[in-house]
């Protein structure tokens, strides 16, 4: 499954890059929405860290922080990008996250581990640090679009 997932991700990134070669503008987002996207992606990285970190209040209260993080990431990118390729890619991820959350609400989950303050701190600090590194140094080289303040 891991190899298939990696291949799928590579194909998504490649296809998105190809689609950006012939952009079709649907709408022109106001520049202020970039700041909202930065906030949404910061929260998404924190939620991703909370999903995989030790017991924390974020994971125990939200139950599905990674899926909610994907939802915020996709929503933020939809707000800041108005090309057809962007709407297709990020809209698909947003729809996927909504459907997963809907299905997850119907499942019975085991009780979460006892949350600890150290888990909260590691999720927030770790997620924020990874977000900063990705936004400042990696987004441009890996995605081809530099994050602008």
N, C-alpha and C. Protein backbone atom coordinates (compact mmCIF):
# COMPACT_ATOMS: atom_id res chain seq x y z
N UNK A 1 0.81 -1.20 0.00
CA UNK A 1 0.00 0.00 0.00
C UNK A 1 0.86 1.27 0.00
N UNK A 2 1.97 1.21 0.69
CA UNK A 2 2.83 2.38 0.74
C UNK A 2 3.37 2.74 -0.64
N UNK A 3 3.83 1.75 -1.38
CA UNK A 3 4.38 2.00 -2.72
C UNK A 3 3.29 2.55 -3.64
N UNK A 4 2.10 1.96 -3.57
CA UNK A 4 0.99 2.43 -4.39
C UNK A 4 0.62 3.86 -4.02
N UNK A 5 0.62 4.18 -2.73
CA UNK A 5 0.31 5.54 -2.28
C UNK A 5 1.35 6.53 -2.78
N UNK A 6 2.61 6.16 -2.71
CA UNK A 6 3.68 7.05 -3.18
C UNK A 6 3.55 7.28 -4.69
N UNK A 7 3.28 6.21 -5.43
CA UNK A 7 3.08 6.34 -6.87
C UNK A 7 1.90 7.27 -7.15
N UNK A 8 0.81 7.08 -6.42
CA UNK A 8 -0.36 7.94 -6.59
C UNK A 8 -0.05 9.40 -6.31
N UNK A 9 0.69 9.66 -5.24
CA UNK A 9 1.06 11.03 -4.90
C UNK A 9 1.95 11.64 -5.98
N UNK A 10 2.92 10.87 -6.47
CA UNK A 10 3.79 11.36 -7.54
C UNK A 10 2.96 11.69 -8.78
N UNK A 11 2.00 10.84 -9.11
CA UNK A 11 1.15 11.09 -10.28
C UNK A 11 0.27 12.33 -10.09
N UNK A 12 -0.21 12.54 -8.87
CA UNK A 12 -1.01 13.73 -8.59
C UNK A 12 -0.16 14.98 -8.77
N UNK A 13 1.05 14.97 -8.20
CA UNK A 13 1.94 16.14 -8.31
C UNK A 13 2.32 16.36 -9.78
N UNK A 14 2.65 15.32 -10.49
CA UNK A 14 3.02 15.44 -11.90
C UNK A 14 1.85 15.97 -12.72
N UNK A 15 0.66 15.40 -12.52
CA UNK A 15 -0.52 15.84 -13.26
C UNK A 15 -0.87 17.29 -12.96
N UNK A 16 -0.74 17.68 -11.70
CA UNK A 16 -1.01 19.07 -11.32
C UNK A 16 -0.01 20.00 -12.00
N UNK A 17 1.25 19.59 -12.03
CA UNK A 17 2.27 20.39 -12.71
C UNK A 17 1.98 20.52 -14.20
N UNK A 18 1.53 19.45 -14.81
CA UNK A 18 1.17 19.48 -16.23
C UNK A 18 -0.03 20.40 -16.47
N UNK A 19 -1.02 20.32 -15.60
CA UNK A 19 -2.22 21.15 -15.76
C UNK A 19 -1.89 22.63 -15.60
N UNK A 20 -0.89 22.94 -14.77
CA UNK A 20 -0.51 24.34 -14.57
C UNK A 20 0.20 24.92 -15.78
N UNK A 21 0.63 24.07 -16.71
CA UNK A 21 1.29 24.56 -17.92
C UNK A 21 0.31 25.29 -18.84
N UNK A 22 -0.97 24.92 -18.76
CA UNK A 22 -2.02 25.56 -19.56
C UNK A 22 -3.12 26.05 -18.62
N UNK A 23 -2.86 27.11 -17.86
CA UNK A 23 -3.81 27.52 -16.82
C UNK A 23 -5.14 28.04 -17.39
N UNK A 24 -6.19 27.68 -16.70
CA UNK A 24 -7.53 28.18 -17.00
C UNK A 24 -8.01 28.91 -15.75
N UNK A 25 -8.10 30.24 -15.86
CA UNK A 25 -8.49 31.03 -14.69
C UNK A 25 -10.00 31.02 -14.53
N UNK A 26 -10.44 30.65 -13.34
CA UNK A 26 -11.86 30.64 -13.00
C UNK A 26 -12.21 31.91 -12.23
N UNK A 27 -11.36 32.28 -11.28
CA UNK A 27 -11.58 33.50 -10.51
C UNK A 27 -10.25 34.00 -9.99
N UNK A 28 -10.21 35.29 -9.66
CA UNK A 28 -9.00 35.92 -9.14
C UNK A 28 -9.20 36.19 -7.65
N UNK A 29 -8.56 35.38 -6.81
CA UNK A 29 -8.75 35.56 -5.37
C UNK A 29 -8.08 36.84 -4.86
N UNK A 30 -8.71 37.50 -3.91
CA UNK A 30 -8.07 38.68 -3.31
C UNK A 30 -6.79 38.27 -2.56
N UNK A 31 -5.76 39.10 -2.62
CA UNK A 31 -4.48 38.77 -1.97
C UNK A 31 -4.60 38.48 -0.47
N UNK A 32 -5.57 39.08 0.18
CA UNK A 32 -5.73 38.88 1.63
C UNK A 32 -6.02 37.42 1.97
N UNK A 33 -6.57 36.67 1.04
CA UNK A 33 -6.88 35.27 1.32
C UNK A 33 -5.62 34.42 1.49
N UNK A 34 -4.48 34.93 1.01
CA UNK A 34 -3.22 34.19 1.22
C UNK A 34 -2.90 34.10 2.71
N UNK A 35 -3.23 35.14 3.45
CA UNK A 35 -2.97 35.13 4.90
C UNK A 35 -3.87 34.10 5.58
N UNK A 36 -5.10 34.01 5.14
CA UNK A 36 -6.01 33.01 5.69
C UNK A 36 -5.51 31.60 5.35
N UNK A 37 -4.99 31.44 4.16
CA UNK A 37 -4.43 30.14 3.77
C UNK A 37 -3.25 29.79 4.65
N UNK A 38 -2.40 30.76 4.96
CA UNK A 38 -1.27 30.50 5.86
C UNK A 38 -1.77 30.04 7.23
N UNK A 39 -2.79 30.68 7.74
CA UNK A 39 -3.36 30.28 9.03
C UNK A 39 -3.93 28.87 8.95
N UNK A 40 -4.70 28.59 7.90
CA UNK A 40 -5.29 27.25 7.74
C UNK A 40 -4.21 26.18 7.63
N UNK A 41 -3.14 26.46 6.90
CA UNK A 41 -2.09 25.45 6.75
C UNK A 41 -1.30 25.28 8.05
N UNK A 42 -1.10 26.36 8.80
CA UNK A 42 -0.47 26.23 10.11
C UNK A 42 -1.30 25.31 10.99
N UNK A 43 -2.61 25.54 11.04
CA UNK A 43 -3.49 24.67 11.83
C UNK A 43 -3.45 23.24 11.32
N UNK A 44 -3.38 23.07 10.00
CA UNK A 44 -3.33 21.73 9.41
C UNK A 44 -2.07 20.99 9.86
N UNK A 45 -0.93 21.67 9.87
CA UNK A 45 0.31 21.03 10.30
C UNK A 45 0.25 20.67 11.79
N UNK A 46 -0.34 21.53 12.59
CA UNK A 46 -0.49 21.23 14.02
C UNK A 46 -1.41 20.02 14.20
N UNK A 47 -2.49 19.97 13.45
CA UNK A 47 -3.41 18.83 13.55
C UNK A 47 -2.74 17.55 13.08
N UNK A 48 -1.92 17.63 12.05
CA UNK A 48 -1.19 16.46 11.58
C UNK A 48 -0.24 15.97 12.66
N UNK A 49 0.46 16.88 13.31
CA UNK A 49 1.36 16.50 14.41
C UNK A 49 0.56 15.90 15.56
N UNK A 50 -0.60 16.46 15.85
CA UNK A 50 -1.43 15.94 16.94
C UNK A 50 -1.94 14.53 16.63
N UNK A 51 -2.20 14.27 15.37
CA UNK A 51 -2.71 12.95 14.97
C UNK A 51 -1.66 11.87 15.18
N UNK A 52 -0.39 12.23 15.05
CA UNK A 52 0.67 11.23 15.12
C UNK A 52 1.53 11.35 16.37
N UNK A 53 1.26 12.33 17.21
CA UNK A 53 2.05 12.53 18.41
C UNK A 53 1.49 11.74 19.58
N UNK A 54 2.18 11.83 20.72
CA UNK A 54 1.69 11.13 21.92
C UNK A 54 0.37 11.73 22.39
N UNK A 55 -0.27 11.07 23.34
CA UNK A 55 -1.58 11.51 23.84
C UNK A 55 -1.66 13.01 24.04
N UNK A 56 -2.64 13.62 23.42
CA UNK A 56 -2.82 15.06 23.55
C UNK A 56 -4.30 15.38 23.50
N UNK A 57 -4.66 16.53 24.01
CA UNK A 57 -6.06 16.95 24.05
C UNK A 57 -6.63 17.19 22.65
N UNK A 58 -5.78 17.60 21.73
CA UNK A 58 -6.25 17.88 20.37
C UNK A 58 -6.81 16.60 19.76
N UNK A 59 -6.03 15.54 19.80
CA UNK A 59 -6.47 14.26 19.21
C UNK A 59 -7.66 13.68 19.96
N UNK A 60 -7.63 13.74 21.29
CA UNK A 60 -8.72 13.14 22.04
C UNK A 60 -10.04 13.90 21.87
N UNK A 61 -9.96 15.21 21.65
CA UNK A 61 -11.21 15.96 21.50
C UNK A 61 -11.71 15.97 20.06
N UNK A 62 -10.83 16.02 19.08
CA UNK A 62 -11.26 16.06 17.68
C UNK A 62 -11.44 14.66 17.09
N UNK A 63 -10.75 13.67 17.64
CA UNK A 63 -10.80 12.27 17.21
C UNK A 63 -10.20 12.02 15.82
N UNK A 64 -10.29 12.95 14.90
CA UNK A 64 -9.76 12.78 13.55
C UNK A 64 -8.98 14.02 13.11
N UNK A 65 -7.94 14.39 13.85
CA UNK A 65 -7.26 15.65 13.54
C UNK A 65 -6.58 15.66 12.17
N UNK A 66 -6.08 14.52 11.70
CA UNK A 66 -5.41 14.51 10.40
C UNK A 66 -6.40 14.82 9.28
N UNK A 67 -7.57 14.23 9.33
CA UNK A 67 -8.57 14.48 8.29
C UNK A 67 -9.05 15.93 8.36
N UNK A 68 -9.21 16.46 9.54
CA UNK A 68 -9.61 17.87 9.68
C UNK A 68 -8.48 18.76 9.16
N UNK A 69 -7.23 18.36 9.39
CA UNK A 69 -6.10 19.11 8.85
C UNK A 69 -6.10 19.13 7.33
N UNK A 70 -6.38 17.99 6.71
CA UNK A 70 -6.47 17.94 5.24
C UNK A 70 -7.59 18.86 4.77
N UNK A 71 -8.70 18.85 5.48
CA UNK A 71 -9.83 19.71 5.12
C UNK A 71 -9.42 21.18 5.17
N UNK A 72 -8.74 21.60 6.23
CA UNK A 72 -8.30 22.99 6.35
C UNK A 72 -7.28 23.35 5.28
N UNK A 73 -6.34 22.44 5.02
CA UNK A 73 -5.32 22.65 3.99
C UNK A 73 -5.99 22.86 2.63
N UNK A 74 -6.92 21.98 2.30
CA UNK A 74 -7.60 22.07 1.00
C UNK A 74 -8.45 23.34 0.91
N UNK A 75 -9.19 23.65 1.95
CA UNK A 75 -10.03 24.84 1.95
C UNK A 75 -9.18 26.10 1.79
N UNK A 76 -8.09 26.18 2.52
CA UNK A 76 -7.20 27.33 2.41
C UNK A 76 -6.66 27.49 1.01
N UNK A 77 -6.25 26.39 0.40
CA UNK A 77 -5.71 26.47 -0.95
C UNK A 77 -6.79 26.77 -1.99
N UNK A 78 -8.01 26.35 -1.74
CA UNK A 78 -9.11 26.72 -2.63
C UNK A 78 -9.38 28.22 -2.58
N UNK A 79 -9.28 28.80 -1.39
CA UNK A 79 -9.52 30.23 -1.24
C UNK A 79 -8.45 31.07 -1.92
N UNK A 80 -7.21 30.59 -1.94
CA UNK A 80 -6.10 31.39 -2.44
C UNK A 80 -5.75 31.14 -3.90
N UNK A 81 -6.38 30.15 -4.51
CA UNK A 81 -6.04 29.78 -5.89
C UNK A 81 -7.31 29.70 -6.71
N UNK A 82 -7.30 30.31 -7.88
CA UNK A 82 -8.51 30.35 -8.69
C UNK A 82 -8.41 29.67 -10.04
N UNK A 83 -7.35 28.90 -10.27
CA UNK A 83 -7.21 28.20 -11.54
C UNK A 83 -8.00 26.89 -11.51
N UNK A 84 -8.39 26.43 -12.68
CA UNK A 84 -9.17 25.19 -12.78
C UNK A 84 -8.42 24.01 -12.17
N UNK A 85 -7.12 23.91 -12.43
CA UNK A 85 -6.33 22.81 -11.86
C UNK A 85 -6.34 22.87 -10.33
N UNK A 86 -6.25 24.07 -9.77
CA UNK A 86 -6.27 24.23 -8.32
C UNK A 86 -7.62 23.80 -7.75
N UNK A 87 -8.67 24.24 -8.39
CA UNK A 87 -10.02 23.93 -7.91
C UNK A 87 -10.26 22.42 -7.98
N UNK A 88 -9.79 21.80 -9.05
CA UNK A 88 -9.96 20.35 -9.19
C UNK A 88 -9.17 19.60 -8.13
N UNK A 89 -7.89 19.95 -7.97
CA UNK A 89 -7.04 19.24 -7.01
C UNK A 89 -7.51 19.46 -5.57
N UNK A 90 -7.58 20.72 -5.16
CA UNK A 90 -7.90 21.00 -3.77
C UNK A 90 -9.37 20.71 -3.45
N UNK A 91 -10.24 20.89 -4.44
CA UNK A 91 -11.65 20.54 -4.26
C UNK A 91 -11.83 19.04 -4.05
N UNK A 92 -11.02 18.24 -4.75
CA UNK A 92 -11.08 16.78 -4.57
C UNK A 92 -10.64 16.39 -3.17
N UNK A 93 -9.56 17.00 -2.69
CA UNK A 93 -9.11 16.70 -1.33
C UNK A 93 -10.14 17.16 -0.30
N UNK A 94 -10.76 18.30 -0.52
CA UNK A 94 -11.78 18.79 0.40
C UNK A 94 -12.98 17.84 0.43
N UNK A 95 -13.43 17.41 -0.72
CA UNK A 95 -14.54 16.47 -0.79
C UNK A 95 -14.18 15.15 -0.11
N UNK A 96 -12.96 14.66 -0.36
CA UNK A 96 -12.50 13.43 0.27
C UNK A 96 -12.53 13.56 1.80
N UNK A 97 -12.01 14.67 2.31
CA UNK A 97 -11.97 14.88 3.77
C UNK A 97 -13.38 14.94 4.35
N UNK A 98 -14.29 15.62 3.68
CA UNK A 98 -15.67 15.69 4.16
C UNK A 98 -16.32 14.31 4.20
N UNK A 99 -16.10 13.51 3.17
CA UNK A 99 -16.68 12.16 3.12
C UNK A 99 -16.06 11.25 4.18
N UNK A 100 -14.76 11.37 4.40
CA UNK A 100 -14.10 10.56 5.42
C UNK A 100 -14.62 10.95 6.80
N UNK A 101 -14.77 12.24 7.07
CA UNK A 101 -15.29 12.67 8.38
C UNK A 101 -16.71 12.18 8.58
N UNK A 102 -17.50 12.23 7.54
CA UNK A 102 -18.89 11.75 7.63
C UNK A 102 -18.91 10.26 7.96
N UNK A 103 -18.08 9.49 7.27
CA UNK A 103 -18.02 8.05 7.53
C UNK A 103 -17.45 7.76 8.91
N UNK A 104 -16.46 8.53 9.32
CA UNK A 104 -15.81 8.30 10.61
C UNK A 104 -16.75 8.57 11.77
N UNK A 105 -17.66 9.50 11.61
CA UNK A 105 -18.61 9.78 12.69
C UNK A 105 -19.50 8.59 12.98
N UNK A 106 -19.69 7.74 12.00
CA UNK A 106 -20.56 6.57 12.17
C UNK A 106 -19.84 5.40 12.83
N UNK A 107 -18.51 5.43 12.82
CA UNK A 107 -17.73 4.33 13.40
C UNK A 107 -17.55 4.53 14.89
N UNK A 108 -17.54 3.43 15.59
CA UNK A 108 -17.28 3.48 17.01
C UNK A 108 -15.77 3.37 17.21
N UNK A 109 -15.20 4.32 17.93
CA UNK A 109 -13.76 4.34 18.16
C UNK A 109 -13.44 3.92 19.58
N UNK A 110 -12.26 3.32 19.77
CA UNK A 110 -11.86 3.02 21.15
C UNK A 110 -11.59 4.33 21.89
N UNK A 111 -11.66 4.30 23.20
CA UNK A 111 -11.40 5.54 23.94
C UNK A 111 -9.95 5.99 23.70
N UNK A 112 -9.76 7.30 23.56
CA UNK A 112 -8.40 7.80 23.31
C UNK A 112 -7.52 7.67 24.53
N UNK A 113 -6.21 7.68 24.30
CA UNK A 113 -5.25 7.65 25.41
C UNK A 113 -5.42 8.90 26.25
N UNK A 114 -5.06 8.79 27.51
CA UNK A 114 -5.16 9.93 28.41
C UNK A 114 -4.28 11.07 27.90
N UNK A 115 -4.89 12.21 27.62
CA UNK A 115 -4.09 13.34 27.10
C UNK A 115 -3.19 13.94 28.17
N UNK A 116 -2.05 14.42 27.73
CA UNK A 116 -1.10 15.07 28.62
C UNK A 116 -0.71 16.42 28.04
N UNK A 117 -0.36 17.35 28.89
CA UNK A 117 0.03 18.68 28.45
C UNK A 117 1.28 18.62 27.56
N UNK A 118 2.20 17.72 27.83
CA UNK A 118 3.41 17.59 27.00
C UNK A 118 3.03 17.19 25.58
N UNK A 119 2.01 16.38 25.43
CA UNK A 119 1.54 15.99 24.11
C UNK A 119 0.99 17.18 23.35
N UNK A 120 0.25 18.04 24.05
CA UNK A 120 -0.27 19.26 23.42
C UNK A 120 0.87 20.14 22.94
N UNK A 121 1.83 20.34 23.82
CA UNK A 121 2.96 21.21 23.51
C UNK A 121 3.77 20.67 22.34
N UNK A 122 4.01 19.37 22.32
CA UNK A 122 4.80 18.80 21.21
C UNK A 122 4.03 18.90 19.90
N UNK A 123 2.72 18.74 19.92
CA UNK A 123 1.92 18.86 18.70
C UNK A 123 1.94 20.29 18.16
N UNK A 124 1.75 21.26 19.04
CA UNK A 124 1.70 22.66 18.60
C UNK A 124 3.08 23.14 18.15
N UNK A 125 4.10 22.91 18.96
CA UNK A 125 5.44 23.38 18.61
C UNK A 125 5.99 22.61 17.41
N UNK A 126 5.85 21.29 17.44
CA UNK A 126 6.35 20.48 16.32
C UNK A 126 5.64 20.82 15.01
N UNK A 127 4.31 20.91 15.05
CA UNK A 127 3.56 21.26 13.85
C UNK A 127 3.92 22.64 13.32
N UNK A 128 4.08 23.60 14.22
CA UNK A 128 4.43 24.96 13.81
C UNK A 128 5.83 25.03 13.20
N UNK A 129 6.76 24.29 13.79
CA UNK A 129 8.13 24.28 13.24
C UNK A 129 8.17 23.64 11.85
N UNK A 130 7.51 22.51 11.70
CA UNK A 130 7.50 21.85 10.38
C UNK A 130 6.79 22.75 9.36
N UNK A 131 5.71 23.40 9.77
CA UNK A 131 5.00 24.34 8.88
C UNK A 131 5.94 25.46 8.43
N UNK A 132 6.68 26.04 9.36
CA UNK A 132 7.59 27.15 9.03
C UNK A 132 8.68 26.69 8.06
N UNK A 133 9.27 25.55 8.33
CA UNK A 133 10.31 25.03 7.44
C UNK A 133 9.74 24.78 6.06
N UNK A 134 8.57 24.16 6.00
CA UNK A 134 7.96 23.86 4.71
C UNK A 134 7.59 25.14 3.96
N UNK A 135 6.98 26.08 4.65
CA UNK A 135 6.54 27.31 4.00
C UNK A 135 7.71 28.16 3.53
N UNK A 136 8.75 28.26 4.33
CA UNK A 136 9.86 29.16 4.02
C UNK A 136 10.83 28.54 3.01
N UNK A 137 11.18 27.27 3.21
CA UNK A 137 12.24 26.70 2.40
C UNK A 137 11.82 25.61 1.42
N UNK A 138 10.74 24.90 1.66
CA UNK A 138 10.45 23.73 0.84
C UNK A 138 9.30 23.89 -0.16
N UNK A 139 8.35 24.75 0.13
CA UNK A 139 7.17 24.87 -0.74
C UNK A 139 7.57 25.27 -2.16
N UNK A 140 8.42 26.25 -2.29
CA UNK A 140 8.86 26.70 -3.61
C UNK A 140 9.58 25.62 -4.40
N UNK A 141 10.66 25.03 -3.86
CA UNK A 141 11.37 24.00 -4.61
C UNK A 141 10.55 22.73 -4.88
N UNK A 142 9.73 22.31 -3.92
CA UNK A 142 8.98 21.07 -4.11
C UNK A 142 7.70 21.25 -4.92
N UNK A 143 7.00 22.36 -4.71
CA UNK A 143 5.70 22.57 -5.35
C UNK A 143 5.81 23.47 -6.56
N UNK A 144 6.84 24.31 -6.59
CA UNK A 144 7.01 25.21 -7.71
C UNK A 144 6.34 26.56 -7.53
N UNK A 145 5.80 26.79 -6.35
CA UNK A 145 5.16 28.06 -6.02
C UNK A 145 5.72 28.52 -4.68
N UNK A 146 6.41 29.65 -4.69
CA UNK A 146 6.96 30.17 -3.44
C UNK A 146 5.85 30.80 -2.62
N UNK A 147 5.91 30.59 -1.31
CA UNK A 147 4.93 31.21 -0.41
C UNK A 147 5.35 32.64 -0.22
N UNK A 148 4.44 33.56 -0.51
CA UNK A 148 4.75 34.99 -0.38
C UNK A 148 4.00 35.56 0.82
N UNK A 149 4.66 36.46 1.54
CA UNK A 149 4.01 37.04 2.73
C UNK A 149 2.88 37.99 2.35
